[in-house]
């Protein structure tokens, strides 16, 4: 089944818990939490205290996407705060194998993310360590950007790489995801759709979730 991961970046921060509860009632599987430091990307968002405060109020899988420099310094803090999945960027990790191993040793699922211009080969030698590969279909840093269709072949290549090495990992796709592009993403091999504006930016969150599921034939 295709999983949906609404991105907190597009939620109403004045009514954060309300939006999360609406998404949870609508049946989404993950809550995608973008952590930005103003260095790796030109924006600043949330940190461990926000995740910790939400953790006691939601049963969703907390899918924490670290768009930060030196993620190794903060992995344990995010896991302690309640992250179920911790995803780091290949572009930000000097010792990617070590970082992913550390995430798993601390009890979380490990994800690795690639920016649009980063080739799939960058993660080839760590696929045996990952539970999730995140393919960015926009340049990270801001919500509401347009999907980059040229990234679709990368999704297909990563799917083939996972099959070739016998790894059963999710392929998550993040950036400009909406009902119009979702079918192409799933056809390419995506299994988890990160949607910010398409869910939290919609007037009716439940209807937005339903529309996204129907677009890929899982509604």
N, C-alpha and C. Protein backbone atom coordinates (compact mmCIF):
# COMPACT_ATOMS: atom_id res chain seq x y z
N UNK A 1 0.83 -1.20 0.00
CA UNK A 1 0.00 0.00 0.00
C UNK A 1 0.87 1.25 0.00
N UNK A 2 0.47 2.22 -0.77
CA UNK A 2 1.18 3.49 -0.82
C UNK A 2 0.97 4.23 0.50
N UNK A 3 2.04 4.80 1.04
CA UNK A 3 1.96 5.53 2.30
C UNK A 3 2.02 7.03 2.04
N UNK A 4 1.31 7.78 2.87
CA UNK A 4 1.30 9.23 2.75
C UNK A 4 2.01 9.83 3.97
N UNK A 5 2.81 10.86 3.70
CA UNK A 5 3.57 11.52 4.75
C UNK A 5 3.41 13.04 4.60
N UNK A 6 2.33 13.60 5.14
CA UNK A 6 2.17 15.04 5.05
C UNK A 6 3.32 15.77 5.73
N UNK A 7 3.80 16.82 5.08
CA UNK A 7 4.96 17.55 5.57
C UNK A 7 4.54 18.68 6.51
N UNK A 8 5.09 18.64 7.71
CA UNK A 8 4.78 19.63 8.73
C UNK A 8 5.12 21.05 8.27
N UNK A 9 6.03 21.15 7.33
CA UNK A 9 6.47 22.46 6.84
C UNK A 9 5.31 23.30 6.30
N UNK A 10 4.27 22.62 5.79
CA UNK A 10 3.14 23.33 5.20
C UNK A 10 1.94 23.43 6.14
N UNK A 11 2.08 22.94 7.36
CA UNK A 11 0.97 23.01 8.33
C UNK A 11 0.83 24.42 8.88
N UNK A 12 -0.30 24.67 9.52
CA UNK A 12 -0.55 25.95 10.18
C UNK A 12 0.14 25.91 11.54
N UNK A 13 1.25 26.63 11.68
CA UNK A 13 2.02 26.55 12.92
C UNK A 13 1.31 27.18 14.10
N UNK A 14 0.24 27.94 13.84
CA UNK A 14 -0.56 28.48 14.93
C UNK A 14 -1.59 27.45 15.41
N UNK A 15 -1.76 26.38 14.64
CA UNK A 15 -2.70 25.32 15.01
C UNK A 15 -2.10 23.97 14.64
N UNK A 16 -0.85 23.79 15.02
CA UNK A 16 -0.08 22.63 14.59
C UNK A 16 -0.73 21.31 15.00
N UNK A 17 -1.10 21.18 16.25
CA UNK A 17 -1.67 19.93 16.72
C UNK A 17 -3.00 19.65 16.05
N UNK A 18 -3.79 20.67 15.81
CA UNK A 18 -5.07 20.50 15.13
C UNK A 18 -4.88 19.92 13.73
N UNK A 19 -3.92 20.47 12.99
CA UNK A 19 -3.66 19.97 11.64
C UNK A 19 -3.16 18.52 11.67
N UNK A 20 -2.29 18.21 12.62
CA UNK A 20 -1.77 16.85 12.74
C UNK A 20 -2.89 15.87 13.06
N UNK A 21 -3.77 16.25 13.96
CA UNK A 21 -4.89 15.38 14.33
C UNK A 21 -5.81 15.15 13.15
N UNK A 22 -6.04 16.17 12.33
CA UNK A 22 -6.87 16.01 11.13
C UNK A 22 -6.24 15.02 10.16
N UNK A 23 -4.93 15.15 9.98
CA UNK A 23 -4.23 14.23 9.07
C UNK A 23 -4.26 12.80 9.61
N UNK A 24 -4.11 12.67 10.91
CA UNK A 24 -4.12 11.34 11.53
C UNK A 24 -5.49 10.69 11.37
N UNK A 25 -6.54 11.47 11.59
CA UNK A 25 -7.91 10.94 11.41
C UNK A 25 -8.17 10.57 9.95
N UNK A 26 -7.52 11.26 9.04
CA UNK A 26 -7.70 10.98 7.61
C UNK A 26 -6.97 9.72 7.18
N UNK A 27 -6.12 9.17 8.06
CA UNK A 27 -5.50 7.88 7.79
C UNK A 27 -4.10 7.91 7.21
N UNK A 28 -3.40 9.04 7.33
CA UNK A 28 -2.02 9.05 6.82
C UNK A 28 -1.14 8.18 7.71
N UNK A 29 -0.05 7.72 7.15
CA UNK A 29 0.82 6.79 7.88
C UNK A 29 1.97 7.50 8.61
N UNK A 30 2.54 8.52 7.99
CA UNK A 30 3.70 9.19 8.55
C UNK A 30 3.39 10.67 8.78
N UNK A 31 4.16 11.27 9.68
CA UNK A 31 4.23 12.73 9.76
C UNK A 31 5.67 13.09 9.38
N UNK A 32 5.82 13.78 8.26
CA UNK A 32 7.14 14.14 7.76
C UNK A 32 7.55 15.46 8.39
N UNK A 33 8.65 15.43 9.14
CA UNK A 33 9.10 16.60 9.89
C UNK A 33 10.42 17.08 9.32
N UNK A 34 10.38 18.21 8.62
CA UNK A 34 11.57 18.78 8.01
C UNK A 34 12.33 19.62 9.02
N UNK A 35 13.56 19.24 9.27
CA UNK A 35 14.42 19.98 10.19
C UNK A 35 15.48 20.71 9.37
N UNK A 36 15.46 22.03 9.41
CA UNK A 36 16.37 22.86 8.62
C UNK A 36 17.16 23.77 9.53
N UNK A 37 18.44 23.95 9.18
CA UNK A 37 19.33 24.69 10.08
C UNK A 37 19.78 26.05 9.56
N UNK A 38 19.35 26.44 8.37
CA UNK A 38 19.78 27.72 7.81
C UNK A 38 21.18 27.67 7.21
N UNK A 39 21.81 26.50 7.23
CA UNK A 39 23.16 26.33 6.66
C UNK A 39 23.13 25.36 5.48
N UNK A 40 22.67 24.14 5.73
CA UNK A 40 22.56 23.18 4.64
C UNK A 40 21.50 23.63 3.63
N UNK A 41 20.44 24.25 4.15
CA UNK A 41 19.40 24.84 3.32
C UNK A 41 19.12 26.25 3.84
N UNK A 42 18.59 27.14 2.99
CA UNK A 42 18.39 28.53 3.40
C UNK A 42 17.08 28.76 4.15
N UNK A 43 16.86 28.00 5.20
CA UNK A 43 15.64 28.14 5.98
C UNK A 43 15.89 27.53 7.35
N UNK A 44 15.10 27.91 8.34
CA UNK A 44 15.20 27.36 9.69
C UNK A 44 13.81 26.92 10.11
N UNK A 45 13.70 25.70 10.66
CA UNK A 45 12.37 25.22 11.05
C UNK A 45 12.37 24.79 12.51
N UNK A 46 12.14 23.51 12.77
CA UNK A 46 11.92 23.04 14.14
C UNK A 46 13.10 22.20 14.63
N UNK A 47 13.12 21.97 15.97
CA UNK A 47 14.15 21.15 16.58
C UNK A 47 13.56 20.11 17.50
N UNK A 48 14.39 19.43 18.26
CA UNK A 48 13.92 18.36 19.15
C UNK A 48 12.81 18.76 20.12
N UNK A 49 12.79 19.97 20.71
CA UNK A 49 11.71 20.29 21.66
C UNK A 49 10.32 20.23 21.04
N UNK A 50 10.19 20.65 19.77
CA UNK A 50 8.89 20.59 19.11
C UNK A 50 8.47 19.14 18.89
N UNK A 51 9.40 18.32 18.45
CA UNK A 51 9.11 16.89 18.23
C UNK A 51 8.72 16.23 19.55
N UNK A 52 9.45 16.53 20.60
CA UNK A 52 9.16 15.95 21.91
C UNK A 52 7.77 16.33 22.40
N UNK A 53 7.37 17.57 22.18
CA UNK A 53 6.06 18.02 22.65
C UNK A 53 4.93 17.39 21.85
N UNK A 54 5.17 17.12 20.56
CA UNK A 54 4.15 16.50 19.72
C UNK A 54 4.07 14.99 19.92
N UNK A 55 5.19 14.39 20.32
CA UNK A 55 5.27 12.93 20.43
C UNK A 55 4.21 12.35 21.36
N UNK A 56 3.92 13.04 22.44
CA UNK A 56 2.94 12.53 23.41
C UNK A 56 1.51 12.71 22.92
N UNK A 57 1.33 13.42 21.81
CA UNK A 57 -0.02 13.73 21.33
C UNK A 57 -0.36 13.05 20.02
N UNK A 58 0.55 12.28 19.47
CA UNK A 58 0.29 11.66 18.17
C UNK A 58 0.87 10.25 18.12
N UNK A 59 0.13 9.34 17.48
CA UNK A 59 0.59 7.96 17.30
C UNK A 59 1.20 7.74 15.91
N UNK A 60 1.27 8.80 15.11
CA UNK A 60 1.84 8.65 13.78
C UNK A 60 3.32 8.31 13.85
N UNK A 61 3.80 7.69 12.79
CA UNK A 61 5.24 7.47 12.65
C UNK A 61 5.89 8.82 12.39
N UNK A 62 6.81 9.23 13.25
CA UNK A 62 7.51 10.50 13.08
C UNK A 62 8.72 10.29 12.17
N UNK A 63 8.59 10.84 10.98
CA UNK A 63 9.56 10.68 9.90
C UNK A 63 10.37 11.98 9.84
N UNK A 64 11.53 11.97 10.50
CA UNK A 64 12.31 13.20 10.69
C UNK A 64 13.40 13.31 9.62
N UNK A 65 13.31 14.35 8.84
CA UNK A 65 14.19 14.59 7.70
C UNK A 65 15.18 15.69 8.07
N UNK A 66 16.43 15.31 8.33
CA UNK A 66 17.44 16.26 8.78
C UNK A 66 18.12 16.93 7.59
N UNK A 67 17.72 18.14 7.30
CA UNK A 67 18.37 18.95 6.27
C UNK A 67 19.31 19.91 6.99
N UNK A 68 20.36 19.32 7.57
CA UNK A 68 21.27 20.09 8.42
C UNK A 68 22.71 19.67 8.18
N UNK A 69 23.63 20.57 8.49
CA UNK A 69 25.05 20.23 8.47
C UNK A 69 25.38 19.40 9.72
N UNK A 70 26.36 18.54 9.61
CA UNK A 70 26.84 17.71 10.71
C UNK A 70 25.70 17.00 11.46
N UNK A 71 24.90 16.23 10.75
CA UNK A 71 23.76 15.56 11.40
C UNK A 71 24.18 14.61 12.53
N UNK A 72 25.39 14.09 12.46
CA UNK A 72 25.85 13.16 13.51
C UNK A 72 25.74 13.77 14.91
N UNK A 73 25.92 15.07 15.00
CA UNK A 73 25.89 15.75 16.29
C UNK A 73 24.51 15.73 16.93
N UNK A 74 23.46 15.51 16.12
CA UNK A 74 22.10 15.68 16.62
C UNK A 74 21.23 14.42 16.54
N UNK A 75 21.73 13.38 15.90
CA UNK A 75 20.94 12.16 15.71
C UNK A 75 20.34 11.66 17.02
N UNK A 76 21.16 11.51 18.04
CA UNK A 76 20.67 10.95 19.31
C UNK A 76 19.60 11.83 19.93
N UNK A 77 19.73 13.15 19.81
CA UNK A 77 18.75 14.06 20.39
C UNK A 77 17.39 13.92 19.71
N UNK A 78 17.40 13.76 18.40
CA UNK A 78 16.13 13.61 17.68
C UNK A 78 15.48 12.27 17.98
N UNK A 79 16.26 11.23 18.10
CA UNK A 79 15.71 9.92 18.45
C UNK A 79 15.14 9.96 19.86
N UNK A 80 15.85 10.58 20.79
CA UNK A 80 15.36 10.70 22.16
C UNK A 80 14.07 11.52 22.23
N UNK A 81 13.93 12.48 21.31
CA UNK A 81 12.74 13.32 21.28
C UNK A 81 11.52 12.59 20.73
N UNK A 82 11.75 11.48 20.00
CA UNK A 82 10.62 10.72 19.50
C UNK A 82 10.63 10.39 18.03
N UNK A 83 11.74 10.61 17.34
CA UNK A 83 11.81 10.27 15.92
C UNK A 83 11.79 8.75 15.73
N UNK A 84 10.92 8.28 14.85
CA UNK A 84 10.88 6.86 14.49
C UNK A 84 11.81 6.56 13.33
N UNK A 85 11.87 7.50 12.39
CA UNK A 85 12.76 7.41 11.23
C UNK A 85 13.63 8.66 11.25
N UNK A 86 14.92 8.50 11.04
CA UNK A 86 15.81 9.64 10.90
C UNK A 86 16.48 9.53 9.53
N UNK A 87 16.26 10.54 8.71
CA UNK A 87 16.83 10.56 7.36
C UNK A 87 17.87 11.67 7.27
N UNK A 88 19.05 11.30 6.78
CA UNK A 88 20.15 12.26 6.62
C UNK A 88 20.48 12.39 5.13
N UNK A 89 21.07 13.51 4.78
CA UNK A 89 21.44 13.75 3.38
C UNK A 89 22.83 13.23 3.09
N UNK A 90 22.96 12.52 1.99
CA UNK A 90 24.28 12.04 1.57
C UNK A 90 25.23 13.23 1.40
N UNK A 91 24.69 14.38 0.97
CA UNK A 91 25.54 15.55 0.72
C UNK A 91 26.07 16.18 2.02
N UNK A 92 25.46 15.85 3.16
CA UNK A 92 25.84 16.46 4.43
C UNK A 92 26.69 15.55 5.31
N UNK A 93 26.89 14.30 4.89
CA UNK A 93 27.57 13.32 5.75
C UNK A 93 28.96 13.00 5.22
N UNK A 94 29.96 13.25 6.04
CA UNK A 94 31.33 12.89 5.66
C UNK A 94 31.52 11.38 5.71
N UNK A 95 30.89 10.74 6.68
CA UNK A 95 31.04 9.30 6.87
C UNK A 95 29.64 8.69 6.92
N UNK A 96 29.04 8.56 5.75
CA UNK A 96 27.63 8.16 5.66
C UNK A 96 27.38 6.80 6.27
N UNK A 97 28.24 5.85 6.02
CA UNK A 97 28.08 4.51 6.58
C UNK A 97 28.01 4.58 8.10
N UNK A 98 28.90 5.34 8.72
CA UNK A 98 28.92 5.48 10.17
C UNK A 98 27.64 6.14 10.69
N UNK A 99 27.19 7.18 10.00
CA UNK A 99 25.99 7.90 10.44
C UNK A 99 24.77 6.99 10.41
N UNK A 100 24.57 6.26 9.32
CA UNK A 100 23.42 5.37 9.19
C UNK A 100 23.49 4.25 10.23
N UNK A 101 24.68 3.71 10.45
CA UNK A 101 24.84 2.66 11.46
C UNK A 101 24.49 3.19 12.84
N UNK A 102 24.87 4.41 13.13
CA UNK A 102 24.60 5.03 14.43
C UNK A 102 23.10 5.19 14.65
N UNK A 103 22.39 5.62 13.62
CA UNK A 103 20.94 5.78 13.72
C UNK A 103 20.29 4.45 14.10
N UNK A 104 20.69 3.39 13.43
CA UNK A 104 20.10 2.08 13.69
C UNK A 104 20.49 1.56 15.08
N UNK A 105 21.73 1.81 15.48
CA UNK A 105 22.17 1.38 16.81
C UNK A 105 21.36 2.04 17.92
N UNK A 106 20.89 3.25 17.66
CA UNK A 106 20.11 3.98 18.66
C UNK A 106 18.61 3.68 18.59
N UNK A 107 18.21 2.74 17.74
CA UNK A 107 16.85 2.24 17.76
C UNK A 107 15.88 2.85 16.78
N UNK A 108 16.34 3.71 15.87
CA UNK A 108 15.45 4.30 14.87
C UNK A 108 15.69 3.65 13.51
N UNK A 109 14.74 3.83 12.61
CA UNK A 109 14.94 3.42 11.23
C UNK A 109 15.82 4.46 10.55
N UNK A 110 16.64 4.02 9.61
CA UNK A 110 17.60 4.91 8.97
C UNK A 110 17.20 5.21 7.52
N UNK A 111 17.23 6.49 7.19
CA UNK A 111 16.94 6.91 5.82
C UNK A 111 18.08 7.73 5.26
N UNK A 112 18.23 7.68 3.94
CA UNK A 112 19.23 8.51 3.27
C UNK A 112 18.54 9.29 2.16
N UNK A 113 18.87 10.58 2.07
CA UNK A 113 18.22 11.46 1.09
C UNK A 113 19.22 11.94 0.05
N UNK A 114 18.69 12.14 -1.17
CA UNK A 114 19.50 12.66 -2.26
C UNK A 114 18.83 13.88 -2.85
N UNK A 115 19.59 14.96 -3.03
CA UNK A 115 19.10 16.14 -3.73
C UNK A 115 18.92 15.84 -5.21
N UNK A 116 18.17 16.68 -5.94
CA UNK A 116 17.90 16.39 -7.35
C UNK A 116 19.14 16.14 -8.21
N UNK A 117 20.23 16.86 -7.95
CA UNK A 117 21.43 16.72 -8.79
C UNK A 117 22.37 15.61 -8.33
N UNK A 118 22.04 14.94 -7.23
CA UNK A 118 22.92 13.89 -6.71
C UNK A 118 22.58 12.55 -7.37
N UNK A 119 23.56 11.87 -7.97
CA UNK A 119 23.27 10.62 -8.68
C UNK A 119 23.00 9.46 -7.72
N UNK A 120 22.22 8.47 -8.15
CA UNK A 120 21.93 7.30 -7.32
C UNK A 120 23.18 6.57 -6.83
N UNK A 121 24.25 6.61 -7.60
CA UNK A 121 25.47 5.92 -7.22
C UNK A 121 26.02 6.38 -5.87
N UNK A 122 25.62 7.57 -5.44
CA UNK A 122 26.12 8.11 -4.18
C UNK A 122 25.68 7.28 -2.97
N UNK A 123 24.61 6.49 -3.14
CA UNK A 123 24.11 5.69 -2.02
C UNK A 123 24.25 4.19 -2.26
N UNK A 124 24.84 3.83 -3.37
CA UNK A 124 24.91 2.41 -3.76
C UNK A 124 25.53 1.53 -2.68
N UNK A 125 26.56 2.02 -2.01
CA UNK A 125 27.31 1.18 -1.08
C UNK A 125 26.78 1.24 0.36
N UNK A 126 25.65 1.92 0.56
CA UNK A 126 25.06 1.93 1.91
C UNK A 126 23.61 1.41 1.89
N UNK A 127 23.15 0.94 0.76
CA UNK A 127 21.76 0.50 0.67
C UNK A 127 21.43 -0.61 1.65
N UNK A 128 22.40 -1.44 1.99
CA UNK A 128 22.14 -2.54 2.92
C UNK A 128 21.87 -2.03 4.33
N UNK A 129 22.13 -0.75 4.58
CA UNK A 129 21.92 -0.18 5.91
C UNK A 129 20.61 0.59 6.04
N UNK A 130 19.97 0.88 4.92
CA UNK A 130 18.84 1.81 4.97
C UNK A 130 17.49 1.12 5.00
N UNK A 131 16.55 1.80 5.63
CA UNK A 131 15.15 1.39 5.63
C UNK A 131 14.34 2.24 4.66
N UNK A 132 14.94 3.36 4.22
CA UNK A 132 14.23 4.30 3.38
C UNK A 132 15.24 5.11 2.57
N UNK A 133 14.91 5.30 1.29
CA UNK A 133 15.68 6.21 0.43
C UNK A 133 14.74 7.34 0.04
N UNK A 134 15.17 8.57 0.36
CA UNK A 134 14.35 9.75 0.07
C UNK A 134 14.90 10.44 -1.17
N UNK A 135 14.08 10.51 -2.20
CA UNK A 135 14.47 11.18 -3.44
C UNK A 135 13.81 12.55 -3.46
N UNK A 136 14.64 13.59 -3.43
CA UNK A 136 14.11 14.95 -3.49
C UNK A 136 13.76 15.30 -4.93
N UNK A 137 12.53 15.78 -5.13
CA UNK A 137 12.10 16.19 -6.46
C UNK A 137 11.91 17.70 -6.55
N UNK A 138 12.49 18.39 -5.56
CA UNK A 138 12.73 19.83 -5.60
C UNK A 138 14.06 20.05 -4.89
N UNK A 139 14.64 21.22 -5.06
CA UNK A 139 15.82 21.56 -4.29
C UNK A 139 15.37 21.94 -2.89
N UNK A 140 15.90 21.30 -1.85
CA UNK A 140 15.34 21.44 -0.51
C UNK A 140 15.53 22.84 0.08
N UNK A 141 14.61 23.15 1.00
CA UNK A 141 14.73 24.41 1.72
C UNK A 141 13.43 25.15 1.89
N UNK A 142 12.51 24.97 0.95
CA UNK A 142 11.23 25.68 1.01
C UNK A 142 10.10 24.77 0.52
N UNK A 143 8.92 24.94 1.10
CA UNK A 143 7.75 24.21 0.64
C UNK A 143 7.11 24.91 -0.54
N UNK A 144 6.20 24.20 -1.19
CA UNK A 144 5.42 24.80 -2.27
C UNK A 144 6.11 24.92 -3.61
N UNK A 145 7.24 24.21 -3.79
CA UNK A 145 7.95 24.29 -5.07
C UNK A 145 7.35 23.33 -6.10
N UNK A 146 7.72 23.56 -7.36
CA UNK A 146 7.23 22.72 -8.45
C UNK A 146 8.04 21.44 -8.58
N UNK A 147 7.35 20.34 -8.78
CA UNK A 147 7.95 19.03 -9.00
C UNK A 147 8.90 19.06 -10.20
N UNK A 148 10.07 18.45 -10.06
CA UNK A 148 11.05 18.37 -11.16
C UNK A 148 10.92 17.00 -11.83
N UNK A 149 10.24 16.90 -12.97
CA UNK A 149 10.00 15.59 -13.60
C UNK A 149 11.26 14.88 -14.05
N UNK A 150 12.35 15.62 -14.26
CA UNK A 150 13.59 14.99 -14.71
C UNK A 150 14.16 14.03 -13.67
N UNK A 151 13.63 14.06 -12.43
CA UNK A 151 14.13 13.17 -11.37
C UNK A 151 13.48 11.79 -11.45
N UNK A 152 12.41 11.64 -12.20
CA UNK A 152 11.72 10.35 -12.27
C UNK A 152 12.63 9.17 -12.64
N UNK A 153 13.53 9.31 -13.62
CA UNK A 153 14.43 8.19 -13.92
C UNK A 153 15.30 7.79 -12.73
N UNK A 154 15.63 8.74 -11.86
CA UNK A 154 16.42 8.41 -10.68
C UNK A 154 15.64 7.49 -9.75
N UNK A 155 14.34 7.74 -9.61
CA UNK A 155 13.49 6.87 -8.78
C UNK A 155 13.52 5.44 -9.34
N UNK A 156 13.39 5.32 -10.65
CA UNK A 156 13.43 3.99 -11.29
C UNK A 156 14.77 3.31 -11.05
N UNK A 157 15.84 4.07 -11.16
CA UNK A 157 17.18 3.49 -10.96
C UNK A 157 17.35 3.01 -9.53
N UNK A 158 16.90 3.80 -8.57
CA UNK A 158 17.03 3.40 -7.17
C UNK A 158 16.19 2.17 -6.88
N UNK A 159 15.02 2.09 -7.47
CA UNK A 159 14.19 0.89 -7.30
C UNK A 159 14.94 -0.34 -7.82
N UNK A 160 15.56 -0.21 -8.97
CA UNK A 160 16.31 -1.34 -9.54
C UNK A 160 17.52 -1.70 -8.68
N UNK A 161 18.19 -0.69 -8.14
CA UNK A 161 19.34 -0.93 -7.28
C UNK A 161 18.93 -1.70 -6.03
N UNK A 162 17.80 -1.32 -5.44
CA UNK A 162 17.33 -2.01 -4.25
C UNK A 162 16.97 -3.46 -4.56
N UNK A 163 16.33 -3.67 -5.70
CA UNK A 163 15.97 -5.03 -6.09
C UNK A 163 17.22 -5.88 -6.35
N UNK A 164 18.22 -5.28 -6.99
CA UNK A 164 19.44 -6.00 -7.32
C UNK A 164 20.21 -6.47 -6.09
N UNK A 165 20.14 -5.66 -5.01
CA UNK A 165 20.87 -6.05 -3.80
C UNK A 165 19.95 -6.66 -2.75
N UNK A 166 18.69 -6.90 -3.10
CA UNK A 166 17.77 -7.60 -2.22
C UNK A 166 17.39 -6.83 -0.97
N UNK A 167 17.33 -5.52 -1.07
CA UNK A 167 16.99 -4.67 0.08
C UNK A 167 15.53 -4.23 -0.03
N UNK A 168 14.77 -4.46 1.02
CA UNK A 168 13.36 -4.10 1.05
C UNK A 168 13.20 -2.76 1.77
N UNK A 169 13.55 -1.69 1.09
CA UNK A 169 13.48 -0.34 1.67
C UNK A 169 12.41 0.47 0.96
N UNK A 170 11.82 1.40 1.70
CA UNK A 170 10.85 2.31 1.10
C UNK A 170 11.58 3.30 0.19
N UNK A 171 10.88 3.73 -0.86
CA UNK A 171 11.37 4.84 -1.68
C UNK A 171 10.41 6.01 -1.46
N UNK A 172 10.91 6.99 -0.76
CA UNK A 172 10.10 8.16 -0.43
C UNK A 172 10.41 9.29 -1.41
N UNK A 173 9.37 10.00 -1.82
CA UNK A 173 9.55 11.08 -2.79
C UNK A 173 8.99 12.36 -2.21
N UNK A 174 9.79 13.42 -2.25
CA UNK A 174 9.46 14.66 -1.56
C UNK A 174 9.73 15.85 -2.46
N UNK A 175 8.68 16.64 -2.71
CA UNK A 175 8.85 17.87 -3.47
C UNK A 175 7.84 18.04 -4.58
N UNK A 176 6.88 18.94 -4.37
CA UNK A 176 5.89 19.21 -5.40
C UNK A 176 4.92 18.08 -5.65
N UNK A 177 4.76 17.19 -4.67
CA UNK A 177 3.87 16.02 -4.85
C UNK A 177 2.42 16.45 -4.73
N UNK A 178 1.62 16.06 -5.72
CA UNK A 178 0.18 16.34 -5.73
C UNK A 178 -0.50 15.27 -6.58
N UNK A 179 -1.84 15.27 -6.65
CA UNK A 179 -2.53 14.22 -7.41
C UNK A 179 -2.16 14.16 -8.88
N UNK A 180 -1.68 15.25 -9.45
CA UNK A 180 -1.34 15.26 -10.87
C UNK A 180 -0.04 14.50 -11.15
N UNK A 181 0.92 14.57 -10.24
CA UNK A 181 2.22 13.92 -10.48
C UNK A 181 2.37 12.60 -9.73
N UNK A 182 1.53 12.36 -8.74
CA UNK A 182 1.65 11.15 -7.93
C UNK A 182 1.63 9.86 -8.74
N UNK A 183 0.76 9.71 -9.76
CA UNK A 183 0.77 8.45 -10.52
C UNK A 183 2.12 8.16 -11.19
N UNK A 184 2.79 9.20 -11.69
CA UNK A 184 4.10 9.01 -12.32
C UNK A 184 5.14 8.58 -11.29
N UNK A 185 5.03 9.13 -10.09
CA UNK A 185 5.97 8.77 -9.02
C UNK A 185 5.82 7.30 -8.65
N UNK A 186 4.58 6.86 -8.50
CA UNK A 186 4.32 5.47 -8.12
C UNK A 186 4.73 4.53 -9.25
N UNK A 187 4.46 4.92 -10.49
CA UNK A 187 4.86 4.10 -11.63
C UNK A 187 6.38 3.94 -11.69
N UNK A 188 7.11 4.95 -11.26
CA UNK A 188 8.57 4.90 -11.27
C UNK A 188 9.14 4.06 -10.13
N UNK A 189 8.32 3.82 -9.09
CA UNK A 189 8.79 2.99 -7.99
C UNK A 189 8.65 3.60 -6.61
N UNK A 190 8.10 4.81 -6.51
CA UNK A 190 7.91 5.44 -5.21
C UNK A 190 6.89 4.68 -4.37
N UNK A 191 7.10 4.65 -3.05
CA UNK A 191 6.16 3.96 -2.16
C UNK A 191 5.64 4.85 -1.04
N UNK A 192 6.34 5.98 -0.79
CA UNK A 192 5.90 6.92 0.24
C UNK A 192 5.88 8.32 -0.38
N UNK A 193 4.73 8.97 -0.32
CA UNK A 193 4.58 10.30 -0.89
C UNK A 193 4.59 11.35 0.21
N UNK A 194 5.57 12.23 0.15
CA UNK A 194 5.61 13.38 1.05
C UNK A 194 4.85 14.51 0.37
N UNK A 195 3.81 14.99 1.02
CA UNK A 195 2.99 16.05 0.43
C UNK A 195 2.77 17.14 1.47
N UNK A 196 3.21 18.33 1.17
CA UNK A 196 3.03 19.44 2.09
C UNK A 196 1.83 20.27 1.71
N UNK A 197 2.01 21.10 0.69
CA UNK A 197 0.94 21.99 0.23
C UNK A 197 -0.30 21.21 -0.19
N UNK A 198 -0.11 20.03 -0.79
CA UNK A 198 -1.24 19.24 -1.30
C UNK A 198 -2.12 18.70 -0.18
N UNK A 199 -1.59 18.60 1.04
CA UNK A 199 -2.39 18.11 2.18
C UNK A 199 -2.61 19.22 3.20
N UNK A 200 -1.55 19.68 3.84
CA UNK A 200 -1.71 20.69 4.88
C UNK A 200 -2.07 22.07 4.31
N UNK A 201 -1.78 22.27 3.04
CA UNK A 201 -2.14 23.55 2.42
C UNK A 201 -3.53 23.57 1.82
N UNK A 202 -4.23 22.43 1.90
CA UNK A 202 -5.57 22.33 1.33
C UNK A 202 -6.63 22.81 2.32
N UNK A 203 -7.78 23.31 1.84
CA UNK A 203 -8.84 23.76 2.74
C UNK A 203 -9.42 22.64 3.60
N UNK A 204 -9.45 21.42 3.05
CA UNK A 204 -10.00 20.27 3.76
C UNK A 204 -8.95 19.15 3.71
N UNK A 205 -8.29 18.90 4.82
CA UNK A 205 -7.19 17.94 4.88
C UNK A 205 -7.67 16.53 4.54
N UNK A 206 -8.82 16.13 5.06
CA UNK A 206 -9.34 14.78 4.81
C UNK A 206 -9.61 14.57 3.32
N UNK A 207 -10.22 15.55 2.68
CA UNK A 207 -10.49 15.43 1.24
C UNK A 207 -9.19 15.42 0.43
N UNK A 208 -8.22 16.18 0.88
CA UNK A 208 -6.94 16.21 0.18
C UNK A 208 -6.24 14.86 0.26
N UNK A 209 -6.30 14.23 1.42
CA UNK A 209 -5.72 12.89 1.58
C UNK A 209 -6.45 11.90 0.67
N UNK A 210 -7.76 11.97 0.65
CA UNK A 210 -8.56 11.08 -0.20
C UNK A 210 -8.21 11.28 -1.67
N UNK A 211 -8.07 12.53 -2.10
CA UNK A 211 -7.76 12.82 -3.50
C UNK A 211 -6.40 12.27 -3.90
N UNK A 212 -5.44 12.37 -3.00
CA UNK A 212 -4.10 11.87 -3.30
C UNK A 212 -4.11 10.36 -3.39
N UNK A 213 -4.82 9.70 -2.50
CA UNK A 213 -4.90 8.24 -2.56
C UNK A 213 -5.60 7.78 -3.83
N UNK A 214 -6.70 8.44 -4.18
CA UNK A 214 -7.43 8.05 -5.39
C UNK A 214 -6.59 8.24 -6.64
N UNK A 215 -5.73 9.25 -6.64
CA UNK A 215 -4.91 9.52 -7.83
C UNK A 215 -3.96 8.37 -8.14
N UNK A 216 -3.61 7.59 -7.11
CA UNK A 216 -2.69 6.46 -7.30
C UNK A 216 -3.39 5.12 -7.14
N UNK A 217 -4.73 5.17 -7.12
CA UNK A 217 -5.51 3.94 -7.08
C UNK A 217 -5.50 3.22 -5.77
N UNK A 218 -5.22 3.95 -4.66
CA UNK A 218 -5.23 3.29 -3.34
C UNK A 218 -6.26 3.91 -2.42
N UNK A 219 -7.23 4.63 -2.99
CA UNK A 219 -8.26 5.27 -2.16
C UNK A 219 -9.50 4.43 -2.05
